[in-house]
Amino acid sequence: MKSRRPFIAGNWKMHLGRSQAVELARRVKEVAAGLVQVDVALAPPFVWLEAVGRELQGSSVRLAAQNCHFEPQGAFTGEVAAEMLKDAGCRHVIIGHSERRQYFGESDELINRKVHAALRAGLEPILCVGEKLEEREAGKTLSVVERQVKAALDKVPGEKAALITIAYEPVWAIGTGRNATPKQAQQVHAHIRSLLEEHFGQAAQQMRIQYGGSVKPENIGELMACADIDGALVGGASLKADSFAGILSLGR
């Protein structure tokens, strides 16, 4: 039986107006109040962090940001520093999401710098890794994920292991309605666990690895039954209180 506490995070991406975001946070807070065996986080757009954080105050639901810059301050118009996110009440920050890699050209080296920046600021990174469809079809899934994990964690010391969550998100399954089978997901999660053991030693056994990619109430139970799947990073299904509640209730 897994000793790791499940961790379900909702990534709202670039969705929802202010009132919608606050209302959704309120409903998730109510659902989470009855769940004592699962950690929950919400990642709203930057502009709603303060409003959502205020709504979540006093609850068990954690606040997360969707991205951060690698410098603590400077002339970087449009960017947000990890220290600012910490000051805004964030506990987590998503780093290396495939959409950041694909649309904004984020390299493995840049993602590593962001991981270090987040840890310096006292944030807990949710590090995303995953392969494209053509990479899976070419049999390169494990090598691609291995490269991403090793590069992102370069020079991260062992004492920081417990602060880091890995999110395996096959790019071909994000927002497509397709998802990896539990067997496929577990194979990659087990490989990630072995990479974490190489880097962090025994501490890797307590690190959580989420699955992401068209997660919904109908498939979360099967996924969570896998030995190395410790939660989910949820996209579209986290934008509706009922579907996210279904994922939270089955993700225990």
Protein backbone atom coordinates (compact mmCIF):
# COMPACT_ATOMS: atom_id res chain seq x y z
CA MET A 1 0.00 0.00 0.00
CA LYS A 2 1.29 3.47 -0.89
CA SER A 3 2.40 5.64 2.02
CA ARG A 4 2.47 8.82 -0.06
CA ARG A 5 -0.43 11.19 0.48
CA PRO A 6 -2.34 11.85 -2.78
CA PHE A 7 -1.98 15.33 -4.29
CA ILE A 8 -4.56 16.68 -6.76
CA ALA A 9 -3.94 20.09 -8.35
CA GLY A 10 -6.19 22.04 -10.71
CA ASN A 11 -4.48 24.07 -13.42
CA TRP A 12 -6.98 26.66 -14.64
CA LYS A 13 -4.66 27.92 -17.39
CA MET A 14 -5.99 31.09 -19.10
CA HIS A 15 -9.64 30.62 -18.13
CA LEU A 16 -12.29 32.24 -15.90
CA GLY A 17 -13.15 35.79 -14.96
CA ARG A 18 -12.70 37.09 -11.42
CA SER A 19 -16.16 36.22 -10.09
CA GLN A 20 -16.08 32.79 -11.73
CA ALA A 21 -12.66 32.07 -10.25
CA VAL A 22 -13.72 33.06 -6.75
CA GLU A 23 -16.94 31.05 -6.95
CA LEU A 24 -15.11 27.96 -8.19
CA ALA A 25 -12.55 28.31 -5.41
CA ARG A 26 -15.38 28.56 -2.87
CA ARG A 27 -16.98 25.36 -4.12
CA VAL A 28 -13.69 23.46 -4.20
CA LYS A 29 -12.96 24.67 -0.67
CA GLU A 30 -16.29 23.24 0.49
CA VAL A 31 -15.61 19.87 -1.12
CA ALA A 32 -12.05 19.71 0.21
CA ALA A 33 -13.24 20.40 3.75
CA GLY A 34 -14.58 16.84 3.86
CA LEU A 35 -11.41 15.25 2.52
CA VAL A 36 -8.72 14.50 5.06
CA GLN A 37 -6.62 12.06 3.04
CA VAL A 38 -5.77 14.15 -0.02
CA ASP A 39 -3.88 17.41 -0.63
CA VAL A 40 -5.56 19.87 -2.99
CA ALA A 41 -4.17 22.90 -4.84
CA LEU A 42 -5.60 25.40 -7.31
CA ALA A 43 -3.55 27.33 -9.89
CA PRO A 44 -5.57 30.31 -11.17
CA PRO A 45 -4.26 32.90 -13.66
CA PHE A 46 -1.82 35.40 -12.12
CA VAL A 47 -4.40 38.19 -12.00
CA TRP A 48 -6.73 36.18 -9.76
CA LEU A 49 -4.14 34.84 -7.30
CA GLU A 50 -4.98 37.41 -4.66
CA ALA A 51 -8.77 37.02 -4.97
CA VAL A 52 -8.64 33.21 -5.02
CA GLY A 53 -6.08 33.17 -2.21
CA ARG A 54 -8.37 35.30 -0.08
CA GLU A 55 -11.25 32.89 -0.71
CA LEU A 56 -9.09 29.91 0.22
CA GLN A 57 -7.74 31.49 3.40
CA GLY A 58 -8.26 29.26 6.41
CA SER A 59 -9.01 26.21 4.28
CA SER A 60 -6.88 23.18 3.45
CA VAL A 61 -6.71 24.08 -0.27
CA ARG A 62 -3.32 25.34 -1.36
CA LEU A 63 -2.67 28.18 -3.77
CA ALA A 64 -0.40 27.57 -6.76
CA ALA A 65 0.90 29.70 -9.62
CA GLN A 66 1.19 28.53 -13.21
CA ASN A 67 4.70 29.82 -13.90
CA CYS A 68 7.52 31.98 -12.54
CA HIS A 69 10.64 33.77 -13.75
CA PHE A 70 14.12 32.56 -12.82
CA GLU A 71 15.35 35.90 -11.45
CA PRO A 72 14.17 37.41 -8.14
CA GLN A 73 13.73 40.85 -9.71
CA GLY A 74 14.78 42.92 -12.72
CA ALA A 75 13.77 44.50 -15.99
CA PHE A 76 11.66 41.61 -17.27
CA THR A 77 8.43 43.19 -18.45
CA GLY A 78 5.42 40.93 -18.07
CA GLU A 79 7.18 38.38 -15.85
CA VAL A 80 6.51 37.40 -12.24
CA ALA A 81 9.23 36.40 -9.76
CA ALA A 82 8.96 33.39 -7.47
CA GLU A 83 9.42 35.68 -4.48
CA MET A 84 6.38 37.70 -5.57
CA LEU A 85 4.32 34.53 -5.78
CA LYS A 86 5.39 33.50 -2.30
CA ASP A 87 4.44 36.95 -1.03
CA ALA A 88 1.04 36.59 -2.75
CA GLY A 89 0.33 33.47 -0.70
CA CYS A 90 1.36 30.72 -3.12
CA ARG A 91 2.73 27.46 -1.81
CA HIS A 92 3.32 25.79 -5.19
CA VAL A 93 4.32 26.82 -8.70
CA ILE A 94 3.92 24.81 -11.89
CA ILE A 95 7.16 24.70 -13.87
CA GLY A 96 7.90 23.30 -17.32
CA HIS A 97 4.35 22.67 -18.47
CA SER A 98 4.32 21.42 -22.06
CA GLU A 99 2.46 24.53 -23.17
CA ARG A 100 5.32 26.66 -21.84
CA ARG A 101 7.81 24.44 -23.64
CA GLN A 102 5.79 24.38 -26.89
CA TYR A 103 4.45 27.93 -27.21
CA PHE A 104 7.11 29.91 -25.35
CA GLY A 105 10.22 27.94 -26.23
CA GLU A 106 11.21 27.02 -22.68
CA SER A 107 14.30 24.84 -22.72
CA ASP A 108 15.42 22.21 -20.21
CA GLU A 109 18.09 24.65 -18.99
CA LEU A 110 15.56 27.43 -18.43
CA ILE A 111 13.26 25.08 -16.55
CA ASN A 112 16.15 24.05 -14.30
CA ARG A 113 16.79 27.71 -13.48
CA LYS A 114 13.11 28.13 -12.61
CA VAL A 115 13.18 25.09 -10.31
CA HIS A 116 16.12 26.59 -8.43
CA ALA A 117 14.40 29.99 -8.28
CA ALA A 118 11.23 28.48 -6.86
CA LEU A 119 13.12 26.55 -4.19
CA ARG A 120 15.14 29.64 -3.22
CA ALA A 121 11.90 31.54 -2.74
CA GLY A 122 10.43 28.82 -0.53
CA LEU A 123 7.95 27.56 -3.11
CA GLU A 124 7.26 23.89 -3.84
CA PRO A 125 7.60 23.20 -7.57
CA ILE A 126 5.26 21.00 -9.58
CA LEU A 127 7.66 19.99 -12.34
CA CYS A 128 6.01 18.87 -15.59
CA VAL A 129 7.56 16.38 -17.98
CA GLY A 130 6.14 14.44 -20.91
CA GLU A 131 6.57 13.32 -24.50
CA LYS A 132 4.93 14.39 -27.76
CA LEU A 133 2.91 11.95 -29.86
CA GLU A 134 5.67 11.50 -32.42
CA GLU A 135 8.16 10.75 -29.64
CA ARG A 136 5.89 8.09 -28.17
CA GLU A 137 5.29 6.52 -31.58
CA ALA A 138 9.07 6.46 -32.16
CA GLY A 139 9.59 4.60 -28.87
CA LYS A 140 11.36 7.56 -27.28
CA THR A 141 9.02 8.17 -24.32
CA LEU A 142 11.34 7.02 -21.56
CA SER A 143 14.43 8.70 -23.01
CA VAL A 144 12.60 12.02 -23.47
CA VAL A 145 11.22 11.97 -19.94
CA GLU A 146 14.63 10.95 -18.57
CA ARG A 147 16.30 13.90 -20.28
CA GLN A 148 13.69 16.32 -18.95
CA VAL A 149 13.83 15.02 -15.36
CA LYS A 150 17.62 14.94 -15.17
CA ALA A 151 18.02 18.40 -16.70
CA ALA A 152 15.35 20.01 -14.52
CA LEU A 153 16.79 18.57 -11.29
CA ASP A 154 20.43 19.27 -12.08
CA LYS A 155 22.25 20.44 -8.93
CA VAL A 156 19.08 20.27 -6.81
CA PRO A 157 20.26 18.98 -3.40
CA GLY A 158 18.76 15.97 -1.65
CA GLU A 159 17.35 17.99 1.22
CA LYS A 160 14.97 19.67 -1.23
CA ALA A 161 13.50 16.39 -2.53
CA ALA A 162 10.39 16.45 -0.36
CA LEU A 163 9.42 19.88 -1.72
CA ILE A 164 9.23 18.74 -5.34
CA THR A 165 6.29 17.09 -7.10
CA ILE A 166 6.74 15.64 -10.58
CA ALA A 167 3.79 15.75 -12.99
CA TYR A 168 3.97 13.34 -15.91
CA GLU A 169 1.82 14.75 -18.70
CA PRO A 170 1.99 13.04 -22.10
CA VAL A 171 1.62 16.00 -24.44
CA TRP A 172 -0.61 14.03 -26.79
CA ALA A 173 -3.17 13.56 -24.00
CA ILE A 174 -3.49 17.17 -22.82
CA GLY A 175 -6.88 18.58 -23.71
CA THR A 176 -7.43 15.96 -26.40
CA GLY A 177 -9.79 13.62 -24.58
CA ARG A 178 -7.16 10.90 -25.01
CA ASN A 179 -5.21 9.65 -22.05
CA ALA A 180 -2.49 7.12 -21.37
CA THR A 181 -3.78 3.80 -20.13
CA PRO A 182 -3.02 3.07 -16.48
CA LYS A 183 -0.40 0.57 -17.66
CA GLN A 184 1.28 3.15 -19.91
CA ALA A 185 1.19 5.80 -17.19
CA GLN A 186 2.55 3.45 -14.53
CA GLN A 187 5.45 2.44 -16.78
CA VAL A 188 6.56 6.06 -17.10
CA HIS A 189 5.91 6.86 -13.43
CA ALA A 190 8.02 3.86 -12.37
CA HIS A 191 10.82 5.06 -14.62
CA ILE A 192 10.60 8.55 -13.13
CA ARG A 193 10.73 7.02 -9.63
CA SER A 194 13.93 5.19 -10.57
CA LEU A 195 15.44 8.45 -11.86
CA LEU A 196 14.52 10.20 -8.62
CA GLU A 197 16.13 7.39 -6.64
CA GLU A 198 19.34 7.84 -8.64
CA HIS A 199 19.33 11.56 -7.86
CA PHE A 200 17.91 11.72 -4.33
CA GLY A 201 18.35 8.21 -2.93
CA GLN A 202 15.78 6.87 -0.49
CA ALA A 203 14.04 10.27 -0.28
CA ALA A 204 12.57 9.56 -3.72
CA GLN A 205 10.16 7.05 -2.18
CA GLN A 206 8.31 9.91 -0.51
CA MET A 207 8.22 12.18 -3.56
CA ARG A 208 4.87 12.44 -5.30
CA ILE A 209 4.42 11.89 -9.02
CA GLN A 210 1.16 13.15 -10.50
CA TYR A 211 -0.42 12.10 -13.78
CA GLY A 212 -1.90 14.73 -16.09
CA GLY A 213 -3.62 14.55 -19.44
CA SER A 214 -7.42 14.38 -19.80
CA VAL A 215 -7.90 13.30 -16.19
CA LYS A 216 -11.58 12.98 -15.28
CA PRO A 217 -13.77 11.28 -12.65
CA GLU A 218 -14.16 8.24 -14.92
CA ASN A 219 -10.44 7.40 -15.06
CA ILE A 220 -8.92 8.76 -11.84
CA GLY A 221 -9.71 5.62 -9.83
CA GLU A 222 -7.81 3.30 -12.18
CA LEU A 223 -4.89 5.70 -12.36
CA MET A 224 -4.65 6.10 -8.59
CA ALA A 225 -4.59 2.32 -8.17
CA CYS A 226 -1.17 2.24 -9.86
CA ALA A 227 1.81 1.85 -7.54
CA ASP A 228 3.68 5.02 -8.57
CA ILE A 229 0.80 7.40 -9.38
CA ASP A 230 0.27 9.71 -6.42
CA GLY A 231 -2.25 12.21 -7.73
CA ALA A 232 -3.13 14.29 -10.74
CA LEU A 233 -2.51 17.64 -12.37
CA VAL A 234 -5.94 18.38 -13.79
CA GLY A 235 -6.69 20.80 -16.62
CA GLY A 236 -10.15 21.13 -18.17
CA ALA A 237 -11.95 19.01 -15.58
CA SER A 238 -10.74 21.37 -12.82
CA LEU A 239 -12.78 24.23 -14.32
CA LYS A 240 -16.05 22.63 -13.26
CA ALA A 241 -16.71 22.12 -9.57
CA ASP A 242 -18.67 18.89 -10.02
CA SER A 243 -16.08 17.15 -12.18
CA PHE A 244 -13.19 18.29 -9.99
CA ALA A 245 -15.08 17.12 -6.90
CA GLY A 246 -15.48 13.72 -8.56
CA ILE A 247 -11.76 13.53 -9.14
CA LEU A 248 -11.00 14.55 -5.57
CA SER A 249 -13.36 11.96 -4.09
CA LEU A 250 -11.90 9.13 -6.18
CA GLY A 251 -8.33 10.28 -5.77
CA ARG A 252 -8.02 9.21 -2.17
